[in-house]
Amino acid sequence: IYNSRVSLREIGIRVGGRSSRLTVNYRTT
C-alpha cells in the first residue's frame, strides 16, 4: 500500500530455497 519496491538479493538478503507460501485463508469467506 506504499510506493516501495525492492529486490532482496540486490540488498544482500538471500532467501532462495528458504521460501514458504501459505495458501489457505483462515479469516475470509
mmCIF file of all heavy atoms, coordinates in Angstrom:
data_MODEL
# 
_entry.id   MODEL 
# 
loop_
_atom_site.group_PDB 
_atom_site.id 
_atom_site.type_symbol 
_atom_site.label_atom_id 
_atom_site.label_alt_id 
_atom_site.label_comp_id 
_atom_site.label_asym_id 
_atom_site.label_entity_id 
_atom_site.label_seq_id 
_atom_site.pdbx_PDB_ins_code 
_atom_site.Cartn_x 
_atom_site.Cartn_y 
_atom_site.Cartn_z 
_atom_site.occupancy 
_atom_site.B_iso_or_equiv 
_atom_site.pdbx_formal_charge 
_atom_site.auth_seq_id 
_atom_site.auth_comp_id 
_atom_site.auth_asym_id 
_atom_site.auth_atom_id 
_atom_site.pdbx_PDB_model_num 
ATOM 1   N N   . ILE A 1 1  ? 0.821   -1.222  0.000  1.00 0.00 ? 1  ILE A N   1 
ATOM 2   C CA  . ILE A 1 1  ? 0.000   0.000   0.000  1.00 0.00 ? 1  ILE A CA  1 
ATOM 3   C C   . ILE A 1 1  ? 0.851   1.266   0.000  1.00 0.00 ? 1  ILE A C   1 
ATOM 4   O O   . ILE A 1 1  ? 0.308   2.362   0.097  1.00 0.00 ? 1  ILE A O   1 
ATOM 5   C CB  . ILE A 1 1  ? -0.977  0.011   1.187  1.00 0.00 ? 1  ILE A CB  1 
ATOM 6   C CG1 . ILE A 1 1  ? -0.234  -0.049  2.524  1.00 0.00 ? 1  ILE A CG1 1 
ATOM 7   C CG2 . ILE A 1 1  ? -1.979  -1.126  1.069  1.00 0.00 ? 1  ILE A CG2 1 
ATOM 8   C CD1 . ILE A 1 1  ? -1.135  0.064   3.742  1.00 0.00 ? 1  ILE A CD1 1 
ATOM 9   N N   . TYR A 1 2  ? 2.172   1.110   -0.080 1.00 0.00 ? 2  TYR A N   1 
ATOM 10  C CA  . TYR A 1 2  ? 3.063   2.265   -0.205 1.00 0.00 ? 2  TYR A CA  1 
ATOM 11  C C   . TYR A 1 2  ? 3.985   2.043   -1.400 1.00 0.00 ? 2  TYR A C   1 
ATOM 12  O O   . TYR A 1 2  ? 4.120   0.932   -1.902 1.00 0.00 ? 2  TYR A O   1 
ATOM 13  C CB  . TYR A 1 2  ? 3.878   2.471   1.075  1.00 0.00 ? 2  TYR A CB  1 
ATOM 14  C CG  . TYR A 1 2  ? 3.018   2.874   2.252  1.00 0.00 ? 2  TYR A CG  1 
ATOM 15  C CD1 . TYR A 1 2  ? 2.677   1.955   3.240  1.00 0.00 ? 2  TYR A CD1 1 
ATOM 16  C CD2 . TYR A 1 2  ? 2.522   4.173   2.364  1.00 0.00 ? 2  TYR A CD2 1 
ATOM 17  C CE1 . TYR A 1 2  ? 1.868   2.315   4.307  1.00 0.00 ? 2  TYR A CE1 1 
ATOM 18  C CE2 . TYR A 1 2  ? 1.711   4.546   3.425  1.00 0.00 ? 2  TYR A CE2 1 
ATOM 19  C CZ  . TYR A 1 2  ? 1.391   3.614   4.391  1.00 0.00 ? 2  TYR A CZ  1 
ATOM 20  O OH  . TYR A 1 2  ? 0.580   3.972   5.429  1.00 0.00 ? 2  TYR A OH  1 
ATOM 21  N N   . ASN A 1 3  ? 4.614   3.105   -1.843 1.00 0.00 ? 3  ASN A N   1 
ATOM 22  C CA  . ASN A 1 3  ? 5.368   3.058   -3.091 1.00 0.00 ? 3  ASN A CA  1 
ATOM 23  C C   . ASN A 1 3  ? 6.806   2.607   -2.853 1.00 0.00 ? 3  ASN A C   1 
ATOM 24  O O   . ASN A 1 3  ? 7.756   3.339   -3.118 1.00 0.00 ? 3  ASN A O   1 
ATOM 25  C CB  . ASN A 1 3  ? 5.340   4.445   -3.758 1.00 0.00 ? 3  ASN A CB  1 
ATOM 26  C CG  . ASN A 1 3  ? 5.815   4.384   -5.188 1.00 0.00 ? 3  ASN A CG  1 
ATOM 27  O OD1 . ASN A 1 3  ? 5.786   3.325   -5.816 1.00 0.00 ? 3  ASN A OD1 1 
ATOM 28  N ND2 . ASN A 1 3  ? 6.277   5.512   -5.708 1.00 0.00 ? 3  ASN A ND2 1 
ATOM 29  N N   . SER A 1 4  ? 6.975   1.395   -2.324 1.00 0.00 ? 4  SER A N   1 
ATOM 30  C CA  . SER A 1 4  ? 8.314   0.859   -2.061 1.00 0.00 ? 4  SER A CA  1 
ATOM 31  C C   . SER A 1 4  ? 8.474   -0.471  -2.782 1.00 0.00 ? 4  SER A C   1 
ATOM 32  O O   . SER A 1 4  ? 7.649   -1.370  -2.626 1.00 0.00 ? 4  SER A O   1 
ATOM 33  C CB  . SER A 1 4  ? 8.530   0.646   -0.557 1.00 0.00 ? 4  SER A CB  1 
ATOM 34  O OG  . SER A 1 4  ? 8.480   1.873   0.136  1.00 0.00 ? 4  SER A OG  1 
ATOM 35  N N   . ARG A 1 5  ? 9.536   -0.578  -3.555 1.00 0.00 ? 5  ARG A N   1 
ATOM 36  C CA  . ARG A 1 5  ? 9.823   -1.816  -4.275 1.00 0.00 ? 5  ARG A CA  1 
ATOM 37  C C   . ARG A 1 5  ? 11.289  -2.167  -4.060 1.00 0.00 ? 5  ARG A C   1 
ATOM 38  O O   . ARG A 1 5  ? 12.148  -1.293  -4.000 1.00 0.00 ? 5  ARG A O   1 
ATOM 39  C CB  . ARG A 1 5  ? 9.523   -1.672  -5.775 1.00 0.00 ? 5  ARG A CB  1 
ATOM 40  C CG  . ARG A 1 5  ? 8.040   -1.445  -6.044 1.00 0.00 ? 5  ARG A CG  1 
ATOM 41  C CD  . ARG A 1 5  ? 7.736   -1.091  -7.480 1.00 0.00 ? 5  ARG A CD  1 
ATOM 42  N NE  . ARG A 1 5  ? 6.335   -0.761  -7.629 1.00 0.00 ? 5  ARG A NE  1 
ATOM 43  C CZ  . ARG A 1 5  ? 5.388   -1.629  -7.969 1.00 0.00 ? 5  ARG A CZ  1 
ATOM 44  N NH1 . ARG A 1 5  ? 5.714   -2.890  -8.215 1.00 0.00 ? 5  ARG A NH1 1 
ATOM 45  N NH2 . ARG A 1 5  ? 4.132   -1.245  -8.083 1.00 0.00 ? 5  ARG A NH2 1 
ATOM 46  N N   . VAL A 1 6  ? 11.567  -3.463  -3.967 1.00 0.00 ? 6  VAL A N   1 
ATOM 47  C CA  . VAL A 1 6  ? 12.915  -3.883  -3.626 1.00 0.00 ? 6  VAL A CA  1 
ATOM 48  C C   . VAL A 1 6  ? 13.196  -5.247  -4.223 1.00 0.00 ? 6  VAL A C   1 
ATOM 49  O O   . VAL A 1 6  ? 12.280  -6.052  -4.436 1.00 0.00 ? 6  VAL A O   1 
ATOM 50  C CB  . VAL A 1 6  ? 13.086  -3.942  -2.086 1.00 0.00 ? 6  VAL A CB  1 
ATOM 51  C CG1 . VAL A 1 6  ? 12.256  -5.049  -1.483 1.00 0.00 ? 6  VAL A CG1 1 
ATOM 52  C CG2 . VAL A 1 6  ? 14.540  -4.088  -1.689 1.00 0.00 ? 6  VAL A CG2 1 
ATOM 53  N N   . SER A 1 7  ? 14.458  -5.513  -4.503 1.00 0.00 ? 7  SER A N   1 
ATOM 54  C CA  . SER A 1 7  ? 14.934  -6.862  -4.815 1.00 0.00 ? 7  SER A CA  1 
ATOM 55  C C   . SER A 1 7  ? 15.801  -7.294  -3.646 1.00 0.00 ? 7  SER A C   1 
ATOM 56  O O   . SER A 1 7  ? 16.869  -6.722  -3.405 1.00 0.00 ? 7  SER A O   1 
ATOM 57  C CB  . SER A 1 7  ? 15.744  -6.873  -6.112 1.00 0.00 ? 7  SER A CB  1 
ATOM 58  O OG  . SER A 1 7  ? 16.384  -8.129  -6.268 1.00 0.00 ? 7  SER A OG  1 
ATOM 59  N N   . LEU A 1 8  ? 15.346  -8.269  -2.892 1.00 0.00 ? 8  LEU A N   1 
ATOM 60  C CA  . LEU A 1 8  ? 16.069  -8.692  -1.693 1.00 0.00 ? 8  LEU A CA  1 
ATOM 61  C C   . LEU A 1 8  ? 17.491  -9.118  -2.023 1.00 0.00 ? 8  LEU A C   1 
ATOM 62  O O   . LEU A 1 8  ? 18.431  -8.826  -1.281 1.00 0.00 ? 8  LEU A O   1 
ATOM 63  C CB  . LEU A 1 8  ? 15.313  -9.828  -1.005 1.00 0.00 ? 8  LEU A CB  1 
ATOM 64  C CG  . LEU A 1 8  ? 13.973  -9.455  -0.376 1.00 0.00 ? 8  LEU A CG  1 
ATOM 65  C CD1 . LEU A 1 8  ? 13.275  -10.703 0.151  1.00 0.00 ? 8  LEU A CD1 1 
ATOM 66  C CD2 . LEU A 1 8  ? 14.157  -8.441  0.741  1.00 0.00 ? 8  LEU A CD2 1 
ATOM 67  N N   . ARG A 1 9  ? 17.661  -9.826  -3.130 1.00 0.00 ? 9  ARG A N   1 
ATOM 68  C CA  . ARG A 1 9  ? 19.004  -10.323 -3.457 1.00 0.00 ? 9  ARG A CA  1 
ATOM 69  C C   . ARG A 1 9  ? 19.976  -9.180  -3.723 1.00 0.00 ? 9  ARG A C   1 
ATOM 70  O O   . ARG A 1 9  ? 21.162  -9.288  -3.401 1.00 0.00 ? 9  ARG A O   1 
ATOM 71  C CB  . ARG A 1 9  ? 18.934  -11.285 -4.644 1.00 0.00 ? 9  ARG A CB  1 
ATOM 72  C CG  . ARG A 1 9  ? 18.554  -10.658 -5.965 1.00 0.00 ? 9  ARG A CG  1 
ATOM 73  C CD  . ARG A 1 9  ? 18.504  -11.669 -7.093 1.00 0.00 ? 9  ARG A CD  1 
ATOM 74  N NE  . ARG A 1 9  ? 17.371  -12.578 -6.922 1.00 0.00 ? 9  ARG A NE  1 
ATOM 75  C CZ  . ARG A 1 9  ? 17.089  -13.569 -7.764 1.00 0.00 ? 9  ARG A CZ  1 
ATOM 76  N NH1 . ARG A 1 9  ? 17.872  -13.787 -8.803 1.00 0.00 ? 9  ARG A NH1 1 
ATOM 77  N NH2 . ARG A 1 9  ? 16.029  -14.332 -7.577 1.00 0.00 ? 9  ARG A NH2 1 
ATOM 78  N N   . GLU A 1 10 ? 19.475  -8.051  -4.290 1.00 0.00 ? 10 GLU A N   1 
ATOM 79  C CA  . GLU A 1 10 ? 20.357  -6.910  -4.536 1.00 0.00 ? 10 GLU A CA  1 
ATOM 80  C C   . GLU A 1 10 ? 20.726  -6.201  -3.240 1.00 0.00 ? 10 GLU A C   1 
ATOM 81  O O   . GLU A 1 10 ? 21.748  -5.517  -3.171 1.00 0.00 ? 10 GLU A O   1 
ATOM 82  C CB  . GLU A 1 10 ? 19.701  -5.943  -5.517 1.00 0.00 ? 10 GLU A CB  1 
ATOM 83  C CG  . GLU A 1 10 ? 19.581  -6.510  -6.934 1.00 0.00 ? 10 GLU A CG  1 
ATOM 84  C CD  . GLU A 1 10 ? 19.010  -5.503  -7.917 1.00 0.00 ? 10 GLU A CD  1 
ATOM 85  O OE1 . GLU A 1 10 ? 18.753  -4.350  -7.495 1.00 0.00 ? 10 GLU A OE1 1 
ATOM 86  O OE2 . GLU A 1 10 ? 18.816  -5.868  -9.088 1.00 0.00 ? 10 GLU A OE2 1 
ATOM 87  N N   . ILE A 1 11 ? 19.907  -6.353  -2.219 1.00 0.00 ? 11 ILE A N   1 
ATOM 88  C CA  . ILE A 1 11 ? 20.206  -5.771  -0.901 1.00 0.00 ? 11 ILE A CA  1 
ATOM 89  C C   . ILE A 1 11 ? 21.201  -6.651  -0.136 1.00 0.00 ? 11 ILE A C   1 
ATOM 90  O O   . ILE A 1 11 ? 21.817  -6.215  0.837  1.00 0.00 ? 11 ILE A O   1 
ATOM 91  C CB  . ILE A 1 11 ? 18.895  -5.613  -0.094 1.00 0.00 ? 11 ILE A CB  1 
ATOM 92  C CG1 . ILE A 1 11 ? 17.953  -4.658  -0.814 1.00 0.00 ? 11 ILE A CG1 1 
ATOM 93  C CG2 . ILE A 1 11 ? 19.143  -5.118  1.317  1.00 0.00 ? 11 ILE A CG2 1 
ATOM 94  C CD1 . ILE A 1 11 ? 18.458  -3.252  -0.947 1.00 0.00 ? 11 ILE A CD1 1 
ATOM 95  N N   . GLY A 1 12 ? 21.363  -7.895  -0.581 1.00 0.00 ? 12 GLY A N   1 
ATOM 96  C CA  . GLY A 1 12 ? 22.247  -8.821  0.129  1.00 0.00 ? 12 GLY A CA  1 
ATOM 97  C C   . GLY A 1 12 ? 21.504  -9.779  1.042  1.00 0.00 ? 12 GLY A C   1 
ATOM 98  O O   . GLY A 1 12 ? 22.091  -10.380 1.941  1.00 0.00 ? 12 GLY A O   1 
ATOM 99  N N   . ILE A 1 13 ? 20.186  -9.907  0.817  1.00 0.00 ? 13 ILE A N   1 
ATOM 100 C CA  . ILE A 1 13 ? 19.372  -10.840 1.591  1.00 0.00 ? 13 ILE A CA  1 
ATOM 101 C C   . ILE A 1 13 ? 18.977  -11.983 0.670  1.00 0.00 ? 13 ILE A C   1 
ATOM 102 O O   . ILE A 1 13 ? 18.222  -11.784 -0.296 1.00 0.00 ? 13 ILE A O   1 
ATOM 103 C CB  . ILE A 1 13 ? 18.120  -10.137 2.162  1.00 0.00 ? 13 ILE A CB  1 
ATOM 104 C CG1 . ILE A 1 13 ? 18.536  -8.982  3.075  1.00 0.00 ? 13 ILE A CG1 1 
ATOM 105 C CG2 . ILE A 1 13 ? 17.237  -11.126 2.909  1.00 0.00 ? 13 ILE A CG2 1 
ATOM 106 C CD1 . ILE A 1 13 ? 17.378  -8.120  3.533  1.00 0.00 ? 13 ILE A CD1 1 
ATOM 107 N N   . ARG A 1 14 ? 19.460  -13.168 0.953  1.00 0.00 ? 14 ARG A N   1 
ATOM 108 C CA  . ARG A 1 14 ? 19.246  -14.328 0.075  1.00 0.00 ? 14 ARG A CA  1 
ATOM 109 C C   . ARG A 1 14 ? 18.292  -15.310 0.734  1.00 0.00 ? 14 ARG A C   1 
ATOM 110 O O   . ARG A 1 14 ? 18.577  -15.837 1.802  1.00 0.00 ? 14 ARG A O   1 
ATOM 111 C CB  . ARG A 1 14 ? 20.587  -14.987 -0.239 1.00 0.00 ? 14 ARG A CB  1 
ATOM 112 C CG  . ARG A 1 14 ? 21.526  -14.054 -1.008 1.00 0.00 ? 14 ARG A CG  1 
ATOM 113 C CD  . ARG A 1 14 ? 22.944  -14.586 -1.110 1.00 0.00 ? 14 ARG A CD  1 
ATOM 114 N NE  . ARG A 1 14 ? 23.802  -13.651 -1.832 1.00 0.00 ? 14 ARG A NE  1 
ATOM 115 C CZ  . ARG A 1 14 ? 24.380  -12.590 -1.260 1.00 0.00 ? 14 ARG A CZ  1 
ATOM 116 N NH1 . ARG A 1 14 ? 24.201  -12.350 0.025  1.00 0.00 ? 14 ARG A NH1 1 
ATOM 117 N NH2 . ARG A 1 14 ? 25.133  -11.779 -1.986 1.00 0.00 ? 14 ARG A NH2 1 
ATOM 118 N N   . VAL A 1 15 ? 17.151  -15.519 0.081  1.00 0.00 ? 15 VAL A N   1 
ATOM 119 C CA  . VAL A 1 15 ? 16.136  -16.426 0.625  1.00 0.00 ? 15 VAL A CA  1 
ATOM 120 C C   . VAL A 1 15 ? 15.867  -17.594 -0.317 1.00 0.00 ? 15 VAL A C   1 
ATOM 121 O O   . VAL A 1 15 ? 14.939  -18.371 -0.092 1.00 0.00 ? 15 VAL A O   1 
ATOM 122 C CB  . VAL A 1 15 ? 14.818  -15.667 0.906  1.00 0.00 ? 15 VAL A CB  1 
ATOM 123 C CG1 . VAL A 1 15 ? 15.006  -14.631 2.001  1.00 0.00 ? 15 VAL A CG1 1 
ATOM 124 C CG2 . VAL A 1 15 ? 14.276  -15.012 -0.365 1.00 0.00 ? 15 VAL A CG2 1 
ATOM 125 N N   . GLY A 1 16 ? 16.677  -17.732 -1.364 1.00 0.00 ? 16 GLY A N   1 
ATOM 126 C CA  . GLY A 1 16 ? 16.491  -18.825 -2.310 1.00 0.00 ? 16 GLY A CA  1 
ATOM 127 C C   . GLY A 1 16 ? 16.537  -20.183 -1.629 1.00 0.00 ? 16 GLY A C   1 
ATOM 128 O O   . GLY A 1 16 ? 17.468  -20.480 -0.879 1.00 0.00 ? 16 GLY A O   1 
ATOM 129 N N   . GLY A 1 17 ? 15.524  -21.012 -1.881 1.00 0.00 ? 17 GLY A N   1 
ATOM 130 C CA  . GLY A 1 17 ? 15.451  -22.332 -1.260 1.00 0.00 ? 17 GLY A CA  1 
ATOM 131 C C   . GLY A 1 17 ? 14.941  -22.297 0.163  1.00 0.00 ? 17 GLY A C   1 
ATOM 132 O O   . GLY A 1 17 ? 14.790  -23.359 0.790  1.00 0.00 ? 17 GLY A O   1 
ATOM 133 N N   . ARG A 1 18 ? 14.667  -21.104 0.681  1.00 0.00 ? 18 ARG A N   1 
ATOM 134 C CA  . ARG A 1 18 ? 14.167  -20.992 2.060  1.00 0.00 ? 18 ARG A CA  1 
ATOM 135 C C   . ARG A 1 18 ? 12.906  -20.113 2.090  1.00 0.00 ? 18 ARG A C   1 
ATOM 136 O O   . ARG A 1 18 ? 12.720  -19.301 2.983  1.00 0.00 ? 18 ARG A O   1 
ATOM 137 C CB  . ARG A 1 18 ? 15.251  -20.402 2.973  1.00 0.00 ? 18 ARG A CB  1 
ATOM 138 C CG  . ARG A 1 18 ? 16.477  -21.299 3.122  1.00 0.00 ? 18 ARG A CG  1 
ATOM 139 C CD  . ARG A 1 18 ? 17.461  -20.731 4.132  1.00 0.00 ? 18 ARG A CD  1 
ATOM 140 N NE  . ARG A 1 18 ? 18.046  -19.489 3.700  1.00 0.00 ? 18 ARG A NE  1 
ATOM 141 C CZ  . ARG A 1 18 ? 19.146  -19.383 2.958  1.00 0.00 ? 18 ARG A CZ  1 
ATOM 142 N NH1 . ARG A 1 18 ? 19.788  -20.472 2.576  1.00 0.00 ? 18 ARG A NH1 1 
ATOM 143 N NH2 . ARG A 1 18 ? 19.619  -18.202 2.602  1.00 0.00 ? 18 ARG A NH2 1 
ATOM 144 N N   . SER A 1 19 ? 12.057  -20.290 1.071  1.00 0.00 ? 19 SER A N   1 
ATOM 145 C CA  . SER A 1 19 ? 10.800  -19.543 0.993  1.00 0.00 ? 19 SER A CA  1 
ATOM 146 C C   . SER A 1 19 ? 9.624   -20.501 1.099  1.00 0.00 ? 19 SER A C   1 
ATOM 147 O O   . SER A 1 19 ? 9.632   -21.578 0.503  1.00 0.00 ? 19 SER A O   1 
ATOM 148 C CB  . SER A 1 19 ? 10.708  -18.764 -0.327 1.00 0.00 ? 19 SER A CB  1 
ATOM 149 O OG  . SER A 1 19 ? 11.607  -17.677 -0.347 1.00 0.00 ? 19 SER A OG  1 
ATOM 150 N N   . SER A 1 20 ? 8.635   -20.111 1.879  1.00 0.00 ? 20 SER A N   1 
ATOM 151 C CA  . SER A 1 20 ? 7.412   -20.891 2.030  1.00 0.00 ? 20 SER A CA  1 
ATOM 152 C C   . SER A 1 20 ? 6.227   -20.022 1.640  1.00 0.00 ? 20 SER A C   1 
ATOM 153 O O   . SER A 1 20 ? 6.256   -18.805 1.792  1.00 0.00 ? 20 SER A O   1 
ATOM 154 C CB  . SER A 1 20 ? 7.246   -21.364 3.477  1.00 0.00 ? 20 SER A CB  1 
ATOM 155 O OG  . SER A 1 20 ? 8.370   -22.100 3.910  1.00 0.00 ? 20 SER A OG  1 
ATOM 156 N N   . ARG A 1 21 ? 5.183   -20.674 1.158  1.00 0.00 ? 21 ARG A N   1 
ATOM 157 C CA  . ARG A 1 21 ? 3.995   -19.941 0.714  1.00 0.00 ? 21 ARG A CA  1 
ATOM 158 C C   . ARG A 1 21 ? 2.760   -20.541 1.379  1.00 0.00 ? 21 ARG A C   1 
ATOM 159 O O   . ARG A 1 21 ? 2.504   -21.740 1.264  1.00 0.00 ? 21 ARG A O   1 
ATOM 160 C CB  . ARG A 1 21 ? 3.866   -20.018 -0.810 1.00 0.00 ? 21 ARG A CB  1 
ATOM 161 C CG  . ARG A 1 21 ? 2.717   -19.230 -1.406 1.00 0.00 ? 21 ARG A CG  1 
ATOM 162 C CD  . ARG A 1 21 ? 2.906   -19.154 -2.925 1.00 0.00 ? 21 ARG A CD  1 
ATOM 163 N NE  . ARG A 1 21 ? 1.787   -18.517 -3.579 1.00 0.00 ? 21 ARG A NE  1 
ATOM 164 C CZ  . ARG A 1 21 ? 0.811   -19.180 -4.191 1.00 0.00 ? 21 ARG A CZ  1 
ATOM 165 N NH1 . ARG A 1 21 ? 0.850   -20.509 -4.252 1.00 0.00 ? 21 ARG A NH1 1 
ATOM 166 N NH2 . ARG A 1 21 ? -0.177  -18.538 -4.764 1.00 0.00 ? 21 ARG A NH2 1 
ATOM 167 N N   . LEU A 1 22 ? 2.013   -19.708 2.093  1.00 0.00 ? 22 LEU A N   1 
ATOM 168 C CA  . LEU A 1 22 ? 0.771   -20.137 2.724  1.00 0.00 ? 22 LEU A CA  1 
ATOM 169 C C   . LEU A 1 22 ? -0.384  -19.833 1.782  1.00 0.00 ? 22 LEU A C   1 
ATOM 170 O O   . LEU A 1 22 ? -0.446  -18.745 1.202  1.00 0.00 ? 22 LEU A O   1 
ATOM 171 C CB  . LEU A 1 22 ? 0.569   -19.409 4.054  1.00 0.00 ? 22 LEU A CB  1 
ATOM 172 C CG  . LEU A 1 22 ? 1.696   -19.575 5.082  1.00 0.00 ? 22 LEU A CG  1 
ATOM 173 C CD1 . LEU A 1 22 ? 1.448   -18.680 6.294  1.00 0.00 ? 22 LEU A CD1 1 
ATOM 174 C CD2 . LEU A 1 22 ? 1.827   -21.027 5.518  1.00 0.00 ? 22 LEU A CD2 1 
ATOM 175 N N   . THR A 1 23 ? -1.292  -20.770 1.617  1.00 0.00 ? 23 THR A N   1 
ATOM 176 C CA  . THR A 1 23 ? -2.346  -20.603 0.612  1.00 0.00 ? 23 THR A CA  1 
ATOM 177 C C   . THR A 1 23 ? -3.764  -20.664 1.171  1.00 0.00 ? 23 THR A C   1 
ATOM 178 O O   . THR A 1 23 ? -4.710  -20.327 0.472  1.00 0.00 ? 23 THR A O   1 
ATOM 179 C CB  . THR A 1 23 ? -2.224  -21.688 -0.472 1.00 0.00 ? 23 THR A CB  1 
ATOM 180 O OG1 . THR A 1 23 ? -2.291  -22.984 0.150  1.00 0.00 ? 23 THR A OG1 1 
ATOM 181 C CG2 . THR A 1 23 ? -0.908  -21.557 -1.231 1.00 0.00 ? 23 THR A CG2 1 
ATOM 182 N N   . VAL A 1 24 ? -3.927  -21.097 2.422  1.00 0.00 ? 24 VAL A N   1 
ATOM 183 C CA  . VAL A 1 24 ? -5.274  -21.237 2.985  1.00 0.00 ? 24 VAL A CA  1 
ATOM 184 C C   . VAL A 1 24 ? -5.619  -20.007 3.809  1.00 0.00 ? 24 VAL A C   1 
ATOM 185 O O   . VAL A 1 24 ? -4.906  -19.657 4.750  1.00 0.00 ? 24 VAL A O   1 
ATOM 186 C CB  . VAL A 1 24 ? -5.391  -22.504 3.850  1.00 0.00 ? 24 VAL A CB  1 
ATOM 187 C CG1 . VAL A 1 24 ? -6.802  -22.612 4.434  1.00 0.00 ? 24 VAL A CG1 1 
ATOM 188 C CG2 . VAL A 1 24 ? -5.069  -23.746 3.040  1.00 0.00 ? 24 VAL A CG2 1 
ATOM 189 N N   . ASN A 1 25 ? -6.703  -19.347 3.428  1.00 0.00 ? 25 ASN A N   1 
ATOM 190 C CA  . ASN A 1 25 ? -7.186  -18.177 4.159  1.00 0.00 ? 25 ASN A CA  1 
ATOM 191 C C   . ASN A 1 25 ? -8.052  -18.646 5.320  1.00 0.00 ? 25 ASN A C   1 
ATOM 192 O O   . ASN A 1 25 ? -9.044  -19.347 5.117  1.00 0.00 ? 25 ASN A O   1 
ATOM 193 C CB  . ASN A 1 25 ? -7.992  -17.282 3.201  1.00 0.00 ? 25 ASN A CB  1 
ATOM 194 C CG  . ASN A 1 25 ? -8.490  -16.015 3.849  1.00 0.00 ? 25 ASN A CG  1 
ATOM 195 O OD1 . ASN A 1 25 ? -9.199  -16.052 4.845  1.00 0.00 ? 25 ASN A OD1 1 
ATOM 196 N ND2 . ASN A 1 25 ? -8.128  -14.886 3.275  1.00 0.00 ? 25 ASN A ND2 1 
ATOM 197 N N   . TYR A 1 26 ? -7.675  -18.257 6.543  1.00 0.00 ? 26 TYR A N   1 
ATOM 198 C CA  . TYR A 1 26 ? -8.423  -18.670 7.724  1.00 0.00 ? 26 TYR A CA  1 
ATOM 199 C C   . TYR A 1 26 ? -9.341  -17.568 8.242  1.00 0.00 ? 26 TYR A C   1 
ATOM 200 O O   . TYR A 1 26 ? -9.959  -17.720 9.282  1.00 0.00 ? 26 TYR A O   1 
ATOM 201 C CB  . TYR A 1 26 ? -7.442  -19.074 8.839  1.00 0.00 ? 26 TYR A CB  1 
ATOM 202 C CG  . TYR A 1 26 ? -6.585  -20.251 8.461  1.00 0.00 ? 26 TYR A CG  1 
ATOM 203 C CD1 . TYR A 1 26 ? -5.301  -20.064 7.950  1.00 0.00 ? 26 TYR A CD1 1 
ATOM 204 C CD2 . TYR A 1 26 ? -7.058  -21.543 8.591  1.00 0.00 ? 26 TYR A CD2 1 
ATOM 205 C CE1 . TYR A 1 26 ? -4.515  -21.135 7.574  1.00 0.00 ? 26 TYR A CE1 1 
ATOM 206 C CE2 . TYR A 1 26 ? -6.278  -22.626 8.219  1.00 0.00 ? 26 TYR A CE2 1 
ATOM 207 C CZ  . TYR A 1 26 ? -5.009  -22.420 7.711  1.00 0.00 ? 26 TYR A CZ  1 
ATOM 208 O OH  . TYR A 1 26 ? -4.235  -23.488 7.337  1.00 0.00 ? 26 TYR A OH  1 
ATOM 209 N N   . ARG A 1 27 ? -9.424  -16.451 7.533  1.00 0.00 ? 27 ARG A N   1 
ATOM 210 C CA  . ARG A 1 27 ? -10.194 -15.319 8.021  1.00 0.00 ? 27 ARG A CA  1 
ATOM 211 C C   . ARG A 1 27 ? -11.423 -15.050 7.179  1.00 0.00 ? 27 ARG A C   1 
ATOM 212 O O   . ARG A 1 27 ? -12.526 -14.868 7.711  1.00 0.00 ? 27 ARG A O   1 
ATOM 213 C CB  . ARG A 1 27 ? -9.309  -14.060 8.036  1.00 0.00 ? 27 ARG A CB  1 
ATOM 214 C CG  . ARG A 1 27 ? -10.066 -12.807 8.474  1.00 0.00 ? 27 ARG A CG  1 
ATOM 215 C CD  . ARG A 1 27 ? -9.126  -11.623 8.589  1.00 0.00 ? 27 ARG A CD  1 
ATOM 216 N NE  . ARG A 1 27 ? -8.556  -11.229 7.329  1.00 0.00 ? 27 ARG A NE  1 
ATOM 217 C CZ  . ARG A 1 27 ? -7.300  -10.819 7.170  1.00 0.00 ? 27 ARG A CZ  1 
ATOM 218 N NH1 . ARG A 1 27 ? -6.479  -10.794 8.196  1.00 0.00 ? 27 ARG A NH1 1 
ATOM 219 N NH2 . ARG A 1 27 ? -6.849  -10.457 5.986  1.00 0.00 ? 27 ARG A NH2 1 
ATOM 220 N N   . THR A 1 28 ? -11.268 -15.026 5.871  1.00 0.00 ? 28 THR A N   1 
ATOM 221 C CA  . THR A 1 28 ? -12.293 -14.503 4.971  1.00 0.00 ? 28 THR A CA  1 
ATOM 222 C C   . THR A 1 28 ? -13.050 -15.629 4.286  1.00 0.00 ? 28 THR A C   1 
ATOM 223 O O   . THR A 1 28 ? -12.460 -16.652 3.954  1.00 0.00 ? 28 THR A O   1 
ATOM 224 C CB  . THR A 1 28 ? -11.622 -13.601 3.915  1.00 0.00 ? 28 THR A CB  1 
ATOM 225 O OG1 . THR A 1 28 ? -10.872 -12.581 4.585  1.00 0.00 ? 28 THR A OG1 1 
ATOM 226 C CG2 . THR A 1 28 ? -12.636 -12.960 3.005  1.00 0.00 ? 28 THR A CG2 1 
ATOM 227 N N   . THR A 1 29 ? -14.342 -15.439 4.051  1.00 0.00 ? 29 THR A N   1 
ATOM 228 C CA  . THR A 1 29 ? -15.108 -16.452 3.333  1.00 0.00 ? 29 THR A CA  1 
ATOM 229 C C   . THR A 1 29 ? -14.600 -16.579 1.896  1.00 0.00 ? 29 THR A C   1 
ATOM 230 O O   . THR A 1 29 ? -13.992 -15.653 1.340  1.00 0.00 ? 29 THR A O   1 
ATOM 231 C CB  . THR A 1 29 ? -16.600 -16.103 3.290  1.00 0.00 ? 29 THR A CB  1 
ATOM 232 O OG1 . THR A 1 29 ? -16.779 -14.908 2.520  1.00 0.00 ? 29 THR A OG1 1 
ATOM 233 C CG2 . THR A 1 29 ? -17.165 -15.919 4.684  1.00 0.00 ? 29 THR A CG2 1 
# 
